[in-house]
């Protein structure tokens, strides 16, 4: 039960970033599939290649976005930005 509460809190506090990550993931898979198809001429190879790299990239994007959000929060907090 406690784990579910943590998962729900995580989802609630990261909703915008998760939505952006999913949107980016779909766009990235589509672009990767088109490029892979033009390079290989093989639909199955294009699908396989397009799922691997964007999946890893989506996880990287999520954490990249989290880092930028922290940076934005620090910049918006005048007390934090004056600390040495």
N, C-alpha and C. Protein backbone atom coordinates (compact mmCIF):
# COMPACT_ATOMS: atom_id res chain seq x y z
N UNK A 1 0.82 -1.20 0.00
CA UNK A 1 0.00 0.00 0.00
C UNK A 1 0.86 1.26 0.00
N UNK A 2 1.93 1.27 0.78
CA UNK A 2 2.81 2.43 0.85
C UNK A 2 3.49 2.67 -0.50
N UNK A 3 3.85 1.59 -1.17
CA UNK A 3 4.49 1.72 -2.48
C UNK A 3 3.55 2.39 -3.47
N UNK A 4 2.28 2.02 -3.44
CA UNK A 4 1.30 2.62 -4.34
C UNK A 4 1.14 4.12 -4.07
N UNK A 5 1.22 4.51 -2.80
CA UNK A 5 1.12 5.93 -2.45
C UNK A 5 2.32 6.68 -3.03
N UNK A 6 3.50 6.09 -2.91
CA UNK A 6 4.71 6.72 -3.47
C UNK A 6 4.61 6.84 -4.99
N UNK A 7 4.12 5.79 -5.63
CA UNK A 7 3.96 5.82 -7.09
C UNK A 7 2.96 6.90 -7.48
N UNK A 8 1.84 6.98 -6.77
CA UNK A 8 0.82 7.98 -7.07
C UNK A 8 1.38 9.39 -6.86
N UNK A 9 2.12 9.60 -5.77
CA UNK A 9 2.73 10.91 -5.52
C UNK A 9 3.73 11.27 -6.62
N UNK A 10 4.52 10.28 -7.05
CA UNK A 10 5.48 10.50 -8.12
C UNK A 10 4.76 10.91 -9.40
N UNK A 11 3.70 10.19 -9.76
CA UNK A 11 2.95 10.50 -10.98
C UNK A 11 2.31 11.88 -10.89
N UNK A 12 1.74 12.21 -9.73
CA UNK A 12 1.10 13.51 -9.57
C UNK A 12 2.10 14.65 -9.65
N UNK A 13 3.25 14.49 -9.02
CA UNK A 13 4.21 15.58 -8.98
C UNK A 13 5.01 15.71 -10.28
N UNK A 14 4.94 14.72 -11.15
CA UNK A 14 5.70 14.75 -12.41
C UNK A 14 4.81 14.68 -13.64
N UNK A 15 3.53 15.00 -13.50
CA UNK A 15 2.57 14.82 -14.59
C UNK A 15 2.97 15.57 -15.86
N UNK A 16 3.35 16.83 -15.73
CA UNK A 16 3.70 17.62 -16.92
C UNK A 16 4.94 17.05 -17.61
N UNK A 17 5.95 16.71 -16.84
CA UNK A 17 7.18 16.16 -17.41
C UNK A 17 6.91 14.81 -18.05
N UNK A 18 6.10 13.98 -17.43
CA UNK A 18 5.76 12.68 -18.01
C UNK A 18 4.99 12.84 -19.32
N UNK A 19 4.06 13.79 -19.37
CA UNK A 19 3.31 14.05 -20.61
C UNK A 19 4.24 14.53 -21.72
N UNK A 20 5.15 15.43 -21.38
CA UNK A 20 6.11 15.92 -22.38
C UNK A 20 7.02 14.79 -22.84
N UNK A 21 7.43 13.94 -21.91
CA UNK A 21 8.30 12.81 -22.25
C UNK A 21 7.58 11.86 -23.21
N UNK A 22 6.31 11.56 -22.94
CA UNK A 22 5.54 10.67 -23.81
C UNK A 22 5.36 11.28 -25.20
N UNK A 23 5.05 12.57 -25.25
CA UNK A 23 4.89 13.27 -26.51
C UNK A 23 6.19 13.23 -27.32
N UNK A 24 7.28 13.51 -26.66
CA UNK A 24 8.60 13.47 -27.30
C UNK A 24 8.91 12.06 -27.79
N UNK A 25 8.57 11.06 -27.00
CA UNK A 25 8.81 9.66 -27.34
C UNK A 25 8.09 9.28 -28.64
N UNK A 26 6.82 9.64 -28.74
CA UNK A 26 6.03 9.33 -29.94
C UNK A 26 6.63 10.02 -31.17
N UNK A 27 6.98 11.31 -31.02
CA UNK A 27 7.57 12.03 -32.13
C UNK A 27 8.91 11.40 -32.54
N UNK A 28 9.71 11.06 -31.56
CA UNK A 28 11.04 10.50 -31.83
C UNK A 28 10.93 9.13 -32.53
N UNK A 29 10.01 8.29 -32.08
CA UNK A 29 9.82 6.98 -32.72
C UNK A 29 9.40 7.15 -34.18
N UNK A 30 8.51 8.09 -34.42
CA UNK A 30 8.04 8.32 -35.79
C UNK A 30 9.17 8.77 -36.70
N UNK A 31 9.95 9.74 -36.25
CA UNK A 31 11.07 10.23 -37.05
C UNK A 31 12.10 9.12 -37.26
N UNK A 32 12.43 8.39 -36.18
CA UNK A 32 13.41 7.32 -36.27
C UNK A 32 12.96 6.22 -37.23
N UNK A 33 11.67 5.91 -37.23
CA UNK A 33 11.16 4.86 -38.11
C UNK A 33 11.25 5.29 -39.58
N UNK A 34 10.91 6.52 -39.86
CA UNK A 34 10.98 7.01 -41.23
C UNK A 34 12.44 7.00 -41.72
N UNK A 35 13.34 7.52 -40.90
CA UNK A 35 14.75 7.54 -41.29
C UNK A 35 15.29 6.13 -41.46
N UNK A 36 15.00 5.23 -40.52
CA UNK A 36 15.48 3.85 -40.60
C UNK A 36 14.93 3.15 -41.83
N UNK A 37 13.69 3.44 -42.18
CA UNK A 37 13.11 2.82 -43.37
C UNK A 37 13.82 3.29 -44.64
N UNK A 38 14.08 4.60 -44.72
CA UNK A 38 14.78 5.11 -45.90
C UNK A 38 16.20 4.58 -45.99
N UNK A 39 16.84 4.35 -44.86
CA UNK A 39 18.21 3.84 -44.86
C UNK A 39 18.24 2.35 -45.20
N UNK A 40 17.33 1.57 -44.59
CA UNK A 40 17.38 0.11 -44.75
C UNK A 40 16.46 -0.42 -45.85
N UNK A 41 15.35 0.27 -46.10
CA UNK A 41 14.36 -0.22 -47.05
C UNK A 41 13.57 -1.40 -46.51
N UNK A 42 13.73 -1.69 -45.22
CA UNK A 42 13.08 -2.84 -44.59
C UNK A 42 12.20 -2.33 -43.45
N UNK A 43 10.89 -2.56 -43.56
CA UNK A 43 9.96 -2.05 -42.56
C UNK A 43 10.21 -2.66 -41.18
N UNK A 44 10.41 -3.97 -41.09
CA UNK A 44 10.63 -4.62 -39.78
C UNK A 44 11.91 -4.12 -39.11
N UNK A 45 12.97 -3.95 -39.89
CA UNK A 45 14.21 -3.41 -39.33
C UNK A 45 14.00 -1.97 -38.87
N UNK A 46 13.25 -1.20 -39.65
CA UNK A 46 12.96 0.19 -39.28
C UNK A 46 12.18 0.26 -37.97
N UNK A 47 11.20 -0.61 -37.81
CA UNK A 47 10.41 -0.62 -36.57
C UNK A 47 11.29 -1.00 -35.39
N UNK A 48 12.11 -2.03 -35.56
CA UNK A 48 13.00 -2.47 -34.48
C UNK A 48 13.97 -1.37 -34.07
N UNK A 49 14.63 -0.77 -35.05
CA UNK A 49 15.58 0.30 -34.75
C UNK A 49 14.89 1.51 -34.13
N UNK A 50 13.70 1.81 -34.60
CA UNK A 50 13.01 3.00 -34.11
C UNK A 50 12.51 2.84 -32.67
N UNK A 51 12.38 1.63 -32.19
CA UNK A 51 11.93 1.43 -30.81
C UNK A 51 13.08 1.44 -29.81
N UNK A 52 14.25 1.02 -30.21
CA UNK A 52 15.38 0.91 -29.28
C UNK A 52 15.91 2.26 -28.84
N UNK A 53 16.42 3.04 -29.75
CA UNK A 53 17.07 4.30 -29.40
C UNK A 53 16.11 5.32 -28.77
N UNK A 54 14.93 5.55 -29.34
CA UNK A 54 14.02 6.51 -28.71
C UNK A 54 13.55 6.10 -27.32
N UNK A 55 13.46 4.81 -27.05
CA UNK A 55 13.06 4.38 -25.70
C UNK A 55 14.11 4.81 -24.69
N UNK A 56 15.37 4.59 -25.01
CA UNK A 56 16.45 5.01 -24.12
C UNK A 56 16.48 6.54 -24.05
N UNK A 57 16.28 7.19 -25.18
CA UNK A 57 16.29 8.65 -25.23
C UNK A 57 15.16 9.25 -24.39
N UNK A 58 14.00 8.61 -24.35
CA UNK A 58 12.88 9.12 -23.56
C UNK A 58 13.22 9.14 -22.07
N UNK A 59 13.88 8.10 -21.59
CA UNK A 59 14.31 8.09 -20.20
C UNK A 59 15.31 9.21 -19.94
N UNK A 60 16.24 9.39 -20.86
CA UNK A 60 17.24 10.46 -20.72
C UNK A 60 16.55 11.82 -20.73
N UNK A 61 15.55 12.01 -21.59
CA UNK A 61 14.83 13.27 -21.66
C UNK A 61 14.12 13.57 -20.35
N UNK A 62 13.51 12.56 -19.74
CA UNK A 62 12.80 12.76 -18.48
C UNK A 62 13.74 13.35 -17.43
N UNK A 63 14.92 12.75 -17.28
CA UNK A 63 15.86 13.22 -16.27
C UNK A 63 16.48 14.56 -16.67
N UNK A 64 16.68 14.78 -17.95
CA UNK A 64 17.16 16.07 -18.45
C UNK A 64 16.16 17.17 -18.08
N UNK A 65 14.89 16.90 -18.28
CA UNK A 65 13.83 17.86 -17.96
C UNK A 65 13.78 18.14 -16.46
N UNK A 66 13.96 17.11 -15.64
CA UNK A 66 13.96 17.28 -14.19
C UNK A 66 15.10 18.20 -13.76
N UNK A 67 16.28 18.04 -14.35
CA UNK A 67 17.42 18.89 -14.03
C UNK A 67 17.12 20.34 -14.40
N UNK A 68 16.55 20.55 -15.58
CA UNK A 68 16.22 21.91 -15.99
C UNK A 68 15.13 22.52 -15.10
N UNK A 69 14.18 21.72 -14.66
CA UNK A 69 13.14 22.24 -13.75
C UNK A 69 13.76 22.70 -12.44
N UNK A 70 14.71 21.95 -11.91
CA UNK A 70 15.39 22.36 -10.67
C UNK A 70 16.15 23.65 -10.90
N UNK A 71 16.80 23.78 -12.03
CA UNK A 71 17.54 24.99 -12.38
C UNK A 71 16.59 26.18 -12.44
N UNK A 72 15.43 26.01 -13.06
CA UNK A 72 14.45 27.09 -13.16
C UNK A 72 13.93 27.50 -11.79
N UNK A 73 13.69 26.52 -10.92
CA UNK A 73 13.22 26.83 -9.57
C UNK A 73 14.25 27.61 -8.79
N UNK A 74 15.52 27.23 -8.91
CA UNK A 74 16.58 27.97 -8.22
C UNK A 74 16.69 29.39 -8.75
N UNK A 75 16.56 29.57 -10.06
CA UNK A 75 16.65 30.90 -10.65
C UNK A 75 15.49 31.78 -10.22
N UNK A 76 14.33 31.19 -9.99
CA UNK A 76 13.15 31.94 -9.59
C UNK A 76 13.14 32.29 -8.10
N UNK A 77 13.98 31.64 -7.33
CA UNK A 77 14.04 31.87 -5.88
C UNK A 77 15.21 32.81 -5.57
N UNK A 78 14.93 34.07 -5.29
CA UNK A 78 16.02 35.03 -5.07
C UNK A 78 16.91 34.68 -3.87
N UNK A 79 16.35 34.02 -2.88
CA UNK A 79 17.15 33.63 -1.70
C UNK A 79 18.15 32.56 -2.10
N UNK A 80 17.73 31.55 -2.88
CA UNK A 80 18.63 30.50 -3.32
C UNK A 80 19.71 31.03 -4.25
N UNK A 81 19.36 31.96 -5.14
CA UNK A 81 20.32 32.44 -6.13
C UNK A 81 21.39 33.33 -5.52
N UNK A 82 21.14 33.87 -4.31
CA UNK A 82 22.16 34.70 -3.67
C UNK A 82 23.07 33.91 -2.75
N UNK A 83 22.74 32.66 -2.46
CA UNK A 83 23.58 31.82 -1.61
C UNK A 83 24.83 31.43 -2.36
N UNK A 84 25.94 31.38 -1.63
CA UNK A 84 27.22 31.01 -2.25
C UNK A 84 27.54 29.58 -1.98
